Amino acid sequence: MSVKLYMTSVTSSRETKSQQGDIVRILETHGVQYDTVDISVDKSLLGEMREKAGNPTAFPPQLFHGDKYLGGYEQLMEAVEDGKLDQFLEVQN
């Protein structure tokens, strides 16, 4: 299983763009393999993300390990600050 990043390529929110960019940089800098799921391609992907997250109002970016919900931007940043990124993402590097 790999890390999945649910994101959107179509947004006018600077905050969303910035958060997605930060997550991608962190994952790539740490050599974490991940797949992206762009919810703007198909509206059903937004519903899929929200269902998997257990939050009907969740908005990208959101992270999963396989189908297990890990969290969003804030949770990832907290893990980075605590030096627990691999543990948070459930990966071994």
PDB file of N, CA and C in Angstrom:
ATOM      1  N   MET A   1       0.841  -1.193   0.000  1.00  0.00           N
ATOM      2  CA  MET A   1       0.000   0.000   0.000  1.00  0.00           C
ATOM      3  C   MET A   1       0.878   1.244   0.000  1.00  0.00           C
ATOM      4  N   SER A   2       0.363   2.269  -0.630  1.00  0.00           N
ATOM      5  CA  SER A   2       1.118   3.507  -0.670  1.00  0.00           C
ATOM      6  C   SER A   2       0.278   4.656  -0.117  1.00  0.00           C
ATOM      7  N   VAL A   3       0.943   5.767   0.036  1.00  0.00           N
ATOM      8  CA  VAL A   3       0.285   6.982   0.499  1.00  0.00           C
ATOM      9  C   VAL A   3      -0.485   7.584  -0.672  1.00  0.00           C
ATOM     10  N   LYS A   4      -1.704   8.018  -0.386  1.00  0.00           N
ATOM     11  CA  LYS A   4      -2.535   8.696  -1.383  1.00  0.00           C
ATOM     12  C   LYS A   4      -2.773  10.118  -0.912  1.00  0.00           C
ATOM     13  N   LEU A   5      -2.556  11.054  -1.803  1.00  0.00           N
ATOM     14  CA  LEU A   5      -2.824  12.453  -1.538  1.00  0.00           C
ATOM     15  C   LEU A   5      -4.016  12.878  -2.382  1.00  0.00           C
ATOM     16  N   TYR A   6      -5.125  13.145  -1.719  1.00  0.00           N
ATOM     17  CA  TYR A   6      -6.287  13.699  -2.409  1.00  0.00           C
ATOM     18  C   TYR A   6      -6.074  15.202  -2.482  1.00  0.00           C
ATOM     19  N   MET A   7      -6.103  15.718  -3.706  1.00  0.00           N
ATOM     20  CA  MET A   7      -5.851  17.131  -3.927  1.00  0.00           C
ATOM     21  C   MET A   7      -6.759  17.626  -5.046  1.00  0.00           C
ATOM     22  N   THR A   8      -6.627  18.906  -5.360  1.00  0.00           N
ATOM     23  CA  THR A   8      -7.392  19.465  -6.466  1.00  0.00           C
ATOM     24  C   THR A   8      -6.500  20.356  -7.303  1.00  0.00           C
ATOM     25  N   SER A   9      -6.601  20.211  -8.603  1.00  0.00           N
ATOM     26  CA  SER A   9      -5.827  21.064  -9.500  1.00  0.00           C
ATOM     27  C   SER A   9      -6.594  22.328  -9.872  1.00  0.00           C
ATOM     28  N   VAL A  10      -7.852  22.387  -9.458  1.00  0.00           N
ATOM     29  CA  VAL A  10      -8.682  23.545  -9.757  1.00  0.00           C
ATOM     30  C   VAL A  10      -9.182  24.151  -8.452  1.00  0.00           C
ATOM     31  N   THR A  11      -8.536  25.246  -8.047  1.00  0.00           N
ATOM     32  CA  THR A  11      -8.969  25.953  -6.844  1.00  0.00           C
ATOM     33  C   THR A  11      -8.517  27.398  -6.929  1.00  0.00           C
ATOM     34  N   SER A  12      -9.302  28.287  -6.376  1.00  0.00           N
ATOM     35  CA  SER A  12      -8.901  29.692  -6.317  1.00  0.00           C
ATOM     36  C   SER A  12      -8.344  30.028  -4.935  1.00  0.00           C
ATOM     37  N   SER A  13      -8.295  29.028  -4.065  1.00  0.00           N
ATOM     38  CA  SER A  13      -7.810  29.235  -2.704  1.00  0.00           C
ATOM     39  C   SER A  13      -6.286  29.172  -2.655  1.00  0.00           C
ATOM     40  N   ARG A  14      -5.659  30.283  -2.295  1.00  0.00           N
ATOM     41  CA  ARG A  14      -4.208  30.301  -2.138  1.00  0.00           C
ATOM     42  C   ARG A  14      -3.768  29.359  -1.021  1.00  0.00           C
ATOM     43  N   GLU A  15      -4.574  29.279   0.024  1.00  0.00           N
ATOM     44  CA  GLU A  15      -4.247  28.411   1.146  1.00  0.00           C
ATOM     45  C   GLU A  15      -4.206  26.940   0.711  1.00  0.00           C
ATOM     46  N   THR A  16      -5.199  26.514  -0.041  1.00  0.00           N
ATOM     47  CA  THR A  16      -5.235  25.131  -0.528  1.00  0.00           C
ATOM     48  C   THR A  16      -4.040  24.852  -1.421  1.00  0.00           C
ATOM     49  N   LYS A  17      -3.738  25.758  -2.364  1.00  0.00           N
ATOM     50  CA  LYS A  17      -2.592  25.585  -3.255  1.00  0.00           C
ATOM     51  C   LYS A  17      -1.302  25.481  -2.454  1.00  0.00           C
ATOM     52  N   SER A  18      -1.150  26.345  -1.476  1.00  0.00           N
ATOM     53  CA  SER A  18       0.055  26.361  -0.655  1.00  0.00           C
ATOM     54  C   SER A  18       0.192  25.072   0.154  1.00  0.00           C
ATOM     55  N   GLN A  19      -0.906  24.632   0.769  1.00  0.00           N
ATOM     56  CA  GLN A  19      -0.880  23.405   1.566  1.00  0.00           C
ATOM     57  C   GLN A  19      -0.538  22.198   0.699  1.00  0.00           C
ATOM     58  N   GLN A  20      -1.140  22.111  -0.475  1.00  0.00           N
ATOM     59  CA  GLN A  20      -0.858  20.990  -1.374  1.00  0.00           C
ATOM     60  C   GLN A  20       0.608  21.001  -1.786  1.00  0.00           C
ATOM     61  N   GLY A  21       1.127  22.184  -2.100  1.00  0.00           N
ATOM     62  CA  GLY A  21       2.530  22.312  -2.480  1.00  0.00           C
ATOM     63  C   GLY A  21       3.455  21.905  -1.350  1.00  0.00           C
ATOM     64  N   ASP A  22       3.129  22.324  -0.126  1.00  0.00           N
ATOM     65  CA  ASP A  22       3.933  21.950   1.041  1.00  0.00           C
ATOM     66  C   ASP A  22       3.949  20.437   1.236  1.00  0.00           C
ATOM     67  N   ILE A  23       2.798  19.816   1.114  1.00  0.00           N
ATOM     68  CA  ILE A  23       2.710  18.359   1.301  1.00  0.00           C
ATOM     69  C   ILE A  23       3.540  17.637   0.243  1.00  0.00           C
ATOM     70  N   VAL A  24       3.420  18.039  -1.006  1.00  0.00           N
ATOM     71  CA  VAL A  24       4.184  17.399  -2.076  1.00  0.00           C
ATOM     72  C   VAL A  24       5.680  17.552  -1.813  1.00  0.00           C
ATOM     73  N   ARG A  25       6.124  18.754  -1.425  1.00  0.00           N
ATOM     74  CA  ARG A  25       7.548  18.973  -1.143  1.00  0.00           C
ATOM     75  C   ARG A  25       8.033  18.098   0.003  1.00  0.00           C
ATOM     76  N   ILE A  26       7.232  17.985   1.064  1.00  0.00           N
ATOM     77  CA  ILE A  26       7.606  17.160   2.205  1.00  0.00           C
ATOM     78  C   ILE A  26       7.714  15.696   1.796  1.00  0.00           C
ATOM     79  N   LEU A  27       6.719  15.199   1.090  1.00  0.00           N
ATOM     80  CA  LEU A  27       6.743  13.798   0.662  1.00  0.00           C
ATOM     81  C   LEU A  27       7.940  13.515  -0.236  1.00  0.00           C
ATOM     82  N   GLU A  28       8.183  14.397  -1.191  1.00  0.00           N
ATOM     83  CA  GLU A  28       9.287  14.179  -2.119  1.00  0.00           C
ATOM     84  C   GLU A  28      10.645  14.326  -1.437  1.00  0.00           C
ATOM     85  N   THR A  29      10.774  15.303  -0.559  1.00  0.00           N
ATOM     86  CA  THR A  29      12.035  15.509   0.171  1.00  0.00           C
ATOM     87  C   THR A  29      12.376  14.306   1.032  1.00  0.00           C
ATOM     88  N   HIS A  30      11.364  13.666   1.593  1.00  0.00           N
ATOM     89  CA  HIS A  30      11.582  12.505   2.454  1.00  0.00           C
ATOM     90  C   HIS A  30      11.551  11.183   1.690  1.00  0.00           C
ATOM     91  N   GLY A  31      11.443  11.257   0.367  1.00  0.00           N
ATOM     92  CA  GLY A  31      11.480  10.052  -0.454  1.00  0.00           C
ATOM     93  C   GLY A  31      10.281   9.140  -0.281  1.00  0.00           C
ATOM     94  N   VAL A  32       9.151   9.725   0.101  1.00  0.00           N
ATOM     95  CA  VAL A  32       7.932   8.944   0.301  1.00  0.00           C
ATOM     96  C   VAL A  32       7.233   8.763  -1.043  1.00  0.00           C
ATOM     97  N   GLN A  33       6.964   7.533  -1.398  1.00  0.00           N
ATOM     98  CA  GLN A  33       6.224   7.268  -2.633  1.00  0.00           C
ATOM     99  C   GLN A  33       4.742   7.529  -2.368  1.00  0.00           C
ATOM    100  N   TYR A  34       4.114   8.221  -3.288  1.00  0.00           N
ATOM    101  CA  TYR A  34       2.701   8.558  -3.109  1.00  0.00           C
ATOM    102  C   TYR A  34       2.018   8.641  -4.460  1.00  0.00           C
ATOM    103  N   ASP A  35       0.715   8.504  -4.426  1.00  0.00           N
ATOM    104  CA  ASP A  35      -0.126   8.690  -5.594  1.00  0.00           C
ATOM    105  C   ASP A  35      -1.035   9.876  -5.317  1.00  0.00           C
ATOM    106  N   THR A  36      -1.353  10.624  -6.359  1.00  0.00           N
ATOM    107  CA  THR A  36      -2.298  11.721  -6.189  1.00  0.00           C
ATOM    108  C   THR A  36      -3.645  11.328  -6.781  1.00  0.00           C
ATOM    109  N   VAL A  37      -4.681  11.829  -6.152  1.00  0.00           N
ATOM    110  CA  VAL A  37      -6.044  11.674  -6.642  1.00  0.00           C
ATOM    111  C   VAL A  37      -6.595  13.093  -6.770  1.00  0.00           C
ATOM    112  N   ASP A  38      -6.816  13.515  -7.995  1.00  0.00           N
ATOM    113  CA  ASP A  38      -7.289  14.868  -8.261  1.00  0.00           C
ATOM    114  C   ASP A  38      -8.815  14.874  -8.283  1.00  0.00           C
ATOM    115  N   ILE A  39      -9.408  15.438  -7.246  1.00  0.00           N
ATOM    116  CA  ILE A  39     -10.865  15.423  -7.124  1.00  0.00           C
ATOM    117  C   ILE A  39     -11.552  16.300  -8.168  1.00  0.00           C
ATOM    118  N   SER A  40     -10.805  17.205  -8.802  1.00  0.00           N
ATOM    119  CA  SER A  40     -11.427  18.078  -9.799  1.00  0.00           C
ATOM    120  C   SER A  40     -11.714  17.344 -11.111  1.00  0.00           C
ATOM    121  N   VAL A  41     -11.136  16.170 -11.294  1.00  0.00           N
ATOM    122  CA  VAL A  41     -11.336  15.377 -12.508  1.00  0.00           C
ATOM    123  C   VAL A  41     -12.723  14.742 -12.531  1.00  0.00           C
ATOM    124  N   ASP A  42     -13.204  14.351 -11.353  1.00  0.00           N
ATOM    125  CA  ASP A  42     -14.475  13.641 -11.259  1.00  0.00           C
ATOM    126  C   ASP A  42     -15.110  13.978  -9.912  1.00  0.00           C
ATOM    127  N   LYS A  43     -16.292  14.531  -9.940  1.00  0.00           N
ATOM    128  CA  LYS A  43     -16.955  14.971  -8.705  1.00  0.00           C
ATOM    129  C   LYS A  43     -17.155  13.827  -7.711  1.00  0.00           C
ATOM    130  N   SER A  44     -17.278  12.602  -8.201  1.00  0.00           N
ATOM    131  CA  SER A  44     -17.475  11.469  -7.293  1.00  0.00           C
ATOM    132  C   SER A  44     -16.249  11.232  -6.408  1.00  0.00           C
ATOM    133  N   LEU A  45     -15.074  11.710  -6.846  1.00  0.00           N
ATOM    134  CA  LEU A  45     -13.857  11.539  -6.047  1.00  0.00           C
ATOM    135  C   LEU A  45     -13.900  12.372  -4.765  1.00  0.00           C
ATOM    136  N   LEU A  46     -14.577  13.521  -4.811  1.00  0.00           N
ATOM    137  CA  LEU A  46     -14.755  14.320  -3.606  1.00  0.00           C
ATOM    138  C   LEU A  46     -15.582  13.541  -2.596  1.00  0.00           C
ATOM    139  N   GLY A  47     -16.667  12.938  -3.043  1.00  0.00           N
ATOM    140  CA  GLY A  47     -17.498  12.119  -2.161  1.00  0.00           C
ATOM    141  C   GLY A  47     -16.741  10.924  -1.619  1.00  0.00           C
ATOM    142  N   GLU A  48     -15.938  10.296  -2.467  1.00  0.00           N
ATOM    143  CA  GLU A  48     -15.119   9.159  -2.040  1.00  0.00           C
ATOM    144  C   GLU A  48     -14.148   9.582  -0.934  1.00  0.00           C
ATOM    145  N   MET A  49     -13.472  10.722  -1.140  1.00  0.00           N
ATOM    146  CA  MET A  49     -12.520  11.230  -0.145  1.00  0.00           C
ATOM    147  C   MET A  49     -13.224  11.522   1.173  1.00  0.00           C
ATOM    148  N   ARG A  50     -14.361  12.192   1.090  1.00  0.00           N
ATOM    149  CA  ARG A  50     -15.094  12.550   2.306  1.00  0.00           C
ATOM    150  C   ARG A  50     -15.599  11.314   3.038  1.00  0.00           C
ATOM    151  N   GLU A  51     -16.056  10.320   2.298  1.00  0.00           N
ATOM    152  CA  GLU A  51     -16.532   9.087   2.920  1.00  0.00           C
ATOM    153  C   GLU A  51     -15.385   8.374   3.627  1.00  0.00           C
ATOM    154  N   LYS A  52     -14.246   8.245   2.950  1.00  0.00           N
ATOM    155  CA  LYS A  52     -13.089   7.579   3.548  1.00  0.00           C
ATOM    156  C   LYS A  52     -12.570   8.333   4.768  1.00  0.00           C
ATOM    157  N   ALA A  53     -12.665   9.669   4.734  1.00  0.00           N
ATOM    158  CA  ALA A  53     -12.199  10.494   5.854  1.00  0.00           C
ATOM    159  C   ALA A  53     -13.196  10.501   7.002  1.00  0.00           C
ATOM    160  N   GLY A  54     -14.431  10.079   6.718  1.00  0.00           N
ATOM    161  CA  GLY A  54     -15.456  10.114   7.756  1.00  0.00           C
ATOM    162  C   GLY A  54     -15.893  11.523   8.093  1.00  0.00           C
ATOM    163  N   ASN A  55     -15.744  12.439   7.120  1.00  0.00           N
ATOM    164  CA  ASN A  55     -16.074  13.843   7.333  1.00  0.00           C
ATOM    165  C   ASN A  55     -16.770  14.373   6.082  1.00  0.00           C
ATOM    166  N   PRO A  56     -18.073  14.661   6.167  1.00  0.00           N
ATOM    167  CA  PRO A  56     -18.814  15.095   4.990  1.00  0.00           C
ATOM    168  C   PRO A  56     -18.435  16.482   4.475  1.00  0.00           C
ATOM    169  N   THR A  57     -17.597  17.216   5.209  1.00  0.00           N
ATOM    170  CA  THR A  57     -17.174  18.540   4.753  1.00  0.00           C
ATOM    171  C   THR A  57     -15.665  18.617   4.505  1.00  0.00           C
ATOM    172  N   ALA A  58     -14.971  17.489   4.523  1.00  0.00           N
ATOM    173  CA  ALA A  58     -13.515  17.489   4.307  1.00  0.00           C
ATOM    174  C   ALA A  58     -13.188  18.078   2.939  1.00  0.00           C
ATOM    175  N   PHE A  59     -12.082  18.806   2.892  1.00  0.00           N
ATOM    176  CA  PHE A  59     -11.632  19.410   1.641  1.00  0.00           C
ATOM    177  C   PHE A  59     -10.144  19.133   1.488  1.00  0.00           C
ATOM    178  N   PRO A  60      -9.667  18.981   0.267  1.00  0.00           N
ATOM    179  CA  PRO A  60      -8.248  18.690   0.050  1.00  0.00           C
ATOM    180  C   PRO A  60      -7.352  19.795   0.625  1.00  0.00           C
ATOM    181  N   PRO A  61      -6.152  19.433   0.938  1.00  0.00           N
ATOM    182  CA  PRO A  61      -5.484  18.151   0.784  1.00  0.00           C
ATOM    183  C   PRO A  61      -5.783  17.205   1.945  1.00  0.00           C
ATOM    184  N   GLN A  62      -5.929  15.929   1.641  1.00  0.00           N
ATOM    185  CA  GLN A  62      -6.152  14.883   2.635  1.00  0.00           C
ATOM    186  C   GLN A  62      -5.243  13.701   2.296  1.00  0.00           C
ATOM    187  N   LEU A  63      -4.717  13.048   3.333  1.00  0.00           N
ATOM    188  CA  LEU A  63      -3.786  11.935   3.149  1.00  0.00           C
ATOM    189  C   LEU A  63      -4.365  10.627   3.654  1.00  0.00           C
ATOM    190  N   PHE A  64      -4.059   9.571   2.914  1.00  0.00           N
ATOM    191  CA  PHE A  64      -4.503   8.222   3.253  1.00  0.00           C
ATOM    192  C   PHE A  64      -3.337   7.266   3.053  1.00  0.00           C
ATOM    193  N   HIS A  65      -3.342   6.183   3.795  1.00  0.00           N
ATOM    194  CA  HIS A  65      -2.419   5.074   3.537  1.00  0.00           C
ATOM    195  C   HIS A  65      -3.310   3.940   3.074  1.00  0.00           C
ATOM    196  N   GLY A  66      -3.274   3.675   1.777  1.00  0.00           N
ATOM    197  CA  GLY A  66      -4.271   2.772   1.215  1.00  0.00           C
ATOM    198  C   GLY A  66      -5.625   3.450   1.367  1.00  0.00           C
ATOM    199  N   ASP A  67      -6.542   2.784   2.046  1.00  0.00           N
ATOM    200  CA  ASP A  67      -7.853   3.384   2.312  1.00  0.00           C
ATOM    201  C   ASP A  67      -7.972   3.931   3.727  1.00  0.00           C
ATOM    202  N   LYS A  68      -6.910   3.826   4.520  1.00  0.00           N
ATOM    203  CA  LYS A  68      -6.948   4.309   5.904  1.00  0.00           C
ATOM    204  C   LYS A  68      -6.669   5.813   5.930  1.00  0.00           C
ATOM    205  N   TYR A  69      -7.575   6.555   6.554  1.00  0.00           N
ATOM    206  CA  TYR A  69      -7.430   8.005   6.660  1.00  0.00           C
ATOM    207  C   TYR A  69      -6.333   8.365   7.647  1.00  0.00           C
ATOM    208  N   LEU A  70      -5.414   9.231   7.207  1.00  0.00           N
ATOM    209  CA  LEU A  70      -4.322   9.681   8.070  1.00  0.00           C
ATOM    210  C   LEU A  70      -4.565  11.081   8.616  1.00  0.00           C
ATOM    211  N   GLY A  71      -5.083  11.964   7.781  1.00  0.00           N
ATOM    212  CA  GLY A  71      -5.324  13.335   8.224  1.00  0.00           C
ATOM    213  C   GLY A  71      -5.073  14.313   7.096  1.00  0.00           C
ATOM    214  N   GLY A  72      -5.113  15.569   7.461  1.00  0.00           N
ATOM    215  CA  GLY A  72      -4.902  16.632   6.493  1.00  0.00           C
ATOM    216  C   GLY A  72      -3.599  17.365   6.732  1.00  0.00           C
ATOM    217  N   TYR A  73      -3.551  18.575   6.260  1.00  0.00           N
ATOM    218  CA  TYR A  73      -2.345  19.396   6.324  1.00  0.00           C
ATOM    219  C   TYR A  73      -1.850  19.587   7.757  1.00  0.00           C
ATOM    220  N   GLU A  74      -2.739  19.952   8.652  1.00  0.00           N
ATOM    221  CA  GLU A  74      -2.335  20.235  10.034  1.00  0.00           C
ATOM    222  C   GLU A  74      -1.722  19.010  10.705  1.00  0.00           C
ATOM    223  N   GLN A  75      -2.319  17.863  10.499  1.00  0.00           N
ATOM    224  CA  GLN A  75      -1.815  16.634  11.109  1.00  0.00           C
ATOM    225  C   GLN A  75      -0.442  16.268  10.538  1.00  0.00           C
ATOM    226  N   LEU A  76      -0.271  16.459   9.244  1.00  0.00           N
ATOM    227  CA  LEU A  76       1.024  16.180   8.624  1.00  0.00           C
ATOM    228  C   LEU A  76       2.096  17.116   9.177  1.00  0.00           C
ATOM    229  N   MET A  77       1.798  18.385   9.251  1.00  0.00           N
ATOM    230  CA  MET A  77       2.772  19.353   9.749  1.00  0.00           C
ATOM    231  C   MET A  77       3.150  19.068  11.205  1.00  0.00           C
ATOM    232  N   GLU A  78       2.194  18.655  11.993  1.00  0.00           N
ATOM    233  CA  GLU A  78       2.477  18.295  13.383  1.00  0.00           C
ATOM    234  C   GLU A  78       3.437  17.103  13.435  1.00  0.00           C
ATOM    235  N   ALA A  79       3.214  16.116  12.585  1.00  0.00           N
ATOM    236  CA  ALA A  79       4.090  14.944  12.537  1.00  0.00           C
ATOM    237  C   ALA A  79       5.500  15.344  12.108  1.00  0.00           C
ATOM    238  N   VAL A  80       5.610  16.246  11.156  1.00  0.00           N
ATOM    239  CA  VAL A  80       6.925  16.711  10.703  1.00  0.00           C
ATOM    240  C   VAL A  80       7.642  17.418  11.850  1.00  0.00           C
ATOM    241  N   GLU A  81       6.932  18.311  12.537  1.00  0.00           N
ATOM    242  CA  GLU A  81       7.523  19.054  13.652  1.00  0.00           C
ATOM    243  C   GLU A  81       7.962  18.130  14.782  1.00  0.00           C
ATOM    244  N   ASP A  82       7.233  17.043  14.986  1.00  0.00           N
ATOM    245  CA  ASP A  82       7.555  16.086  16.051  1.00  0.00           C
ATOM    246  C   ASP A  82       8.589  15.044  15.618  1.00  0.00           C
ATOM    247  N   GLY A  83       9.008  15.104  14.344  1.00  0.00           N
ATOM    248  CA  GLY A  83       9.959  14.129  13.831  1.00  0.00           C
ATOM    249  C   GLY A  83       9.362  12.746  13.667  1.00  0.00           C
ATOM    250  N   LYS A  84       8.056  12.678  13.424  1.00  0.00           N
ATOM    251  CA  LYS A  84       7.353  11.401  13.330  1.00  0.00           C
ATOM    252  C   LYS A  84       6.639  11.218  11.990  1.00  0.00           C
ATOM    253  N   LEU A  85       7.247  11.734  10.931  1.00  0.00           N
ATOM    254  CA  LEU A  85       6.594  11.666   9.618  1.00  0.00           C
ATOM    255  C   LEU A  85       6.373  10.234   9.168  1.00  0.00           C
ATOM    256  N   ASP A  86       7.425   9.396   9.232  1.00  0.00           N
ATOM    257  CA  ASP A  86       7.284   8.008   8.785  1.00  0.00           C
ATOM    258  C   ASP A  86       6.214   7.275   9.580  1.00  0.00           C
ATOM    259  N   GLN A  87       6.185   7.520  10.882  1.00  0.00           N
ATOM    260  CA  GLN A  87       5.180   6.890  11.746  1.00  0.00           C
ATOM    261  C   GLN A  87       3.777   7.366  11.362  1.00  0.00           C
ATOM    262  N   PHE A  88       3.624   8.655  11.124  1.00  0.00           N
ATOM    263  CA  PHE A  88       2.332   9.221  10.740  1.00  0.00           C
ATOM    264  C   PHE A  88       1.843   8.628   9.428  1.00  0.00           C
ATOM    265  N   LEU A  89       2.752   8.540   8.449  1.00  0.00           N
ATOM    266  CA  LEU A  89       2.386   8.035   7.127  1.00  0.00           C
ATOM    267  C   LEU A  89       2.334   6.526   7.050  1.00  0.00           C
ATOM    268  N   GLU A  90       2.788   5.871   8.110  1.00  0.00           N
ATOM    269  CA  GLU A  90       2.826   4.406   8.183  1.00  0.00           C
ATOM    270  C   GLU A  90       3.688   3.822   7.065  1.00  0.00           C
ATOM    271  N   VAL A  91       4.831   4.459   6.854  1.00  0.00           N
ATOM    272  CA  VAL A  91       5.790   3.983   5.852  1.00  0.00           C
ATOM    273  C   VAL A  91       7.136   3.768   6.528  1.00  0.00           C
ATOM    274  N   GLN A  92       7.965   2.999   5.889  1.00  0.00           N
ATOM    275  CA  GLN A  92       9.307   2.778   6.382  1.00  0.00           C
ATOM    276  C   GLN A  92      10.287   3.288   5.351  1.00  0.00           C
ATOM    277  N   ASN A  93      11.109   4.257   5.769  1.00  0.00           N
ATOM    278  CA  ASN A  93      12.148   4.814   4.875  1.00  0.00           C
ATOM    279  C   ASN A  93      13.505   4.567   5.476  1.00  0.00           C
TER     280      ASN A  93
END
